[in-house]
C-alpha atoms as a PDB file:
ATOM      1  CA  UNK A   1       0.316   9.414 -36.433  1.00  0.00           C
ATOM      2  CA  UNK A   2      -0.586   9.365 -32.854  1.00  0.00           C
ATOM      3  CA  UNK A   3      -3.912   8.104 -31.640  1.00  0.00           C
ATOM      4  CA  UNK A   4      -6.595  10.437 -30.377  1.00  0.00           C
ATOM      5  CA  UNK A   5      -6.794  10.296 -26.677  1.00  0.00           C
ATOM      6  CA  UNK A   6     -10.003   8.787 -25.186  1.00  0.00           C
ATOM      7  CA  UNK A   7     -12.298  11.185 -23.633  1.00  0.00           C
ATOM      8  CA  UNK A   8     -12.090  10.969 -19.687  1.00  0.00           C
ATOM      9  CA  UNK A   9     -15.944  10.509 -19.464  1.00  0.00           C
ATOM     10  CA  UNK A  10     -15.517   7.276 -21.531  1.00  0.00           C
ATOM     11  CA  UNK A  11     -12.730   5.891 -19.290  1.00  0.00           C
ATOM     12  CA  UNK A  12     -12.858   3.347 -16.574  1.00  0.00           C
ATOM     13  CA  UNK A  13     -11.517   4.289 -13.262  1.00  0.00           C
ATOM     14  CA  UNK A  14      -8.338   2.101 -13.865  1.00  0.00           C
ATOM     15  CA  UNK A  15      -7.882   3.712 -17.291  1.00  0.00           C
ATOM     16  CA  UNK A  16      -8.207   7.226 -16.010  1.00  0.00           C
ATOM     17  CA  UNK A  17      -5.953   6.488 -12.862  1.00  0.00           C
ATOM     18  CA  UNK A  18      -3.167   4.909 -15.014  1.00  0.00           C
ATOM     19  CA  UNK A  19      -3.145   7.901 -17.401  1.00  0.00           C
ATOM     20  CA  UNK A  20      -3.005  10.231 -14.550  1.00  0.00           C
ATOM     21  CA  UNK A  21      -0.032   8.385 -13.002  1.00  0.00           C
ATOM     22  CA  UNK A  22       1.688   8.675 -16.375  1.00  0.00           C
ATOM     23  CA  UNK A  23       0.946  12.596 -16.443  1.00  0.00           C
ATOM     24  CA  UNK A  24       2.368  13.016 -13.108  1.00  0.00           C
ATOM     25  CA  UNK A  25       5.469  11.141 -13.850  1.00  0.00           C
ATOM     26  CA  UNK A  26       6.044  13.199 -17.074  1.00  0.00           C
ATOM     27  CA  UNK A  27       5.494  16.449 -15.102  1.00  0.00           C
ATOM     28  CA  UNK A  28       7.686  15.464 -12.136  1.00  0.00           C
ATOM     29  CA  UNK A  29      10.583  14.751 -14.497  1.00  0.00           C
ATOM     30  CA  UNK A  30      10.199  18.239 -16.034  1.00  0.00           C
ATOM     31  CA  UNK A  31      11.467  17.026 -19.444  1.00  0.00           C
ATOM     32  CA  UNK A  32       8.764  18.690 -21.490  1.00  0.00           C
ATOM     33  CA  UNK A  33       8.211  22.237 -22.377  1.00  0.00           C
ATOM     34  CA  UNK A  34       5.933  24.518 -20.340  1.00  0.00           C
ATOM     35  CA  UNK A  35       3.167  24.371 -22.820  1.00  0.00           C
ATOM     36  CA  UNK A  36       3.093  20.656 -22.978  1.00  0.00           C
ATOM     37  CA  UNK A  37       3.159  20.447 -19.275  1.00  0.00           C
ATOM     38  CA  UNK A  38       0.259  22.906 -18.965  1.00  0.00           C
ATOM     39  CA  UNK A  39      -1.907  20.805 -21.585  1.00  0.00           C
ATOM     40  CA  UNK A  40      -1.045  17.669 -19.529  1.00  0.00           C
ATOM     41  CA  UNK A  41      -2.018  19.331 -16.357  1.00  0.00           C
ATOM     42  CA  UNK A  42      -5.416  20.357 -17.751  1.00  0.00           C
ATOM     43  CA  UNK A  43      -5.942  16.714 -18.950  1.00  0.00           C
ATOM     44  CA  UNK A  44      -4.962  15.498 -15.523  1.00  0.00           C
ATOM     45  CA  UNK A  45      -7.600  17.709 -13.940  1.00  0.00           C
ATOM     46  CA  UNK A  46     -10.202  16.080 -16.155  1.00  0.00           C
ATOM     47  CA  UNK A  47      -8.995  12.617 -15.195  1.00  0.00           C
ATOM     48  CA  UNK A  48      -9.098  13.590 -11.400  1.00  0.00           C
ATOM     49  CA  UNK A  49     -12.640  14.651 -11.942  1.00  0.00           C
ATOM     50  CA  UNK A  50     -13.487  11.442 -13.723  1.00  0.00           C
ATOM     51  CA  UNK A  51     -11.974   9.243 -10.936  1.00  0.00           C
ATOM     52  CA  UNK A  52     -13.819  11.238  -8.216  1.00  0.00           C
ATOM     53  CA  UNK A  53     -17.105  10.818 -10.223  1.00  0.00           C
ATOM     54  CA  UNK A  54     -16.723   7.150 -10.421  1.00  0.00           C
ATOM     55  CA  UNK A  55     -15.738   6.936  -6.779  1.00  0.00           C
ATOM     56  CA  UNK A  56     -18.723   8.767  -5.671  1.00  0.00           C
ATOM     57  CA  UNK A  57     -20.979   6.527  -7.907  1.00  0.00           C
ATOM     58  CA  UNK A  58     -19.395   3.462  -6.308  1.00  0.00           C
ATOM     59  CA  UNK A  59     -19.996   4.836  -2.860  1.00  0.00           C
ATOM     60  CA  UNK A  60     -23.623   5.701  -3.529  1.00  0.00           C
ATOM     61  CA  UNK A  61     -24.063   2.053  -4.832  1.00  0.00           C
ATOM     62  CA  UNK A  62     -22.527   0.637  -1.628  1.00  0.00           C
ATOM     63  CA  UNK A  63     -24.836   2.886   0.443  1.00  0.00           C
ATOM     64  CA  UNK A  64     -27.896   1.639  -1.593  1.00  0.00           C
ATOM     65  CA  UNK A  65     -26.909  -1.963  -1.053  1.00  0.00           C
ATOM     66  CA  UNK A  66     -26.373  -1.458   2.750  1.00  0.00           C
ATOM     67  CA  UNK A  67     -29.827   0.163   3.130  1.00  0.00           C
ATOM     68  CA  UNK A  68     -31.448  -2.599   1.158  1.00  0.00           C
ATOM     69  CA  UNK A  69     -29.896  -5.195   3.168  1.00  0.00           C
ATOM     70  CA  UNK A  70     -31.100  -3.539   6.402  1.00  0.00           C
ATOM     71  CA  UNK A  71     -34.594  -3.629   5.074  1.00  0.00           C
ATOM     72  CA  UNK A  72     -34.657  -7.289   4.655  1.00  0.00           C
END
């Protein structure tokens, strides 16, 4: 029995990016049927959103640190 995939919102940036790389490789090879590739594409979109969200959070944290350092 295969494991249930982790929800993207519970993944770290690295986990999401690694899974996304795997999905891209499978789709690029074109070895799966269309239905499977479409499901993989949908999952990939969720992973991209997760990565973008985590990058935006990190950027905001860096801006906050920079502003706090200027205030000192």
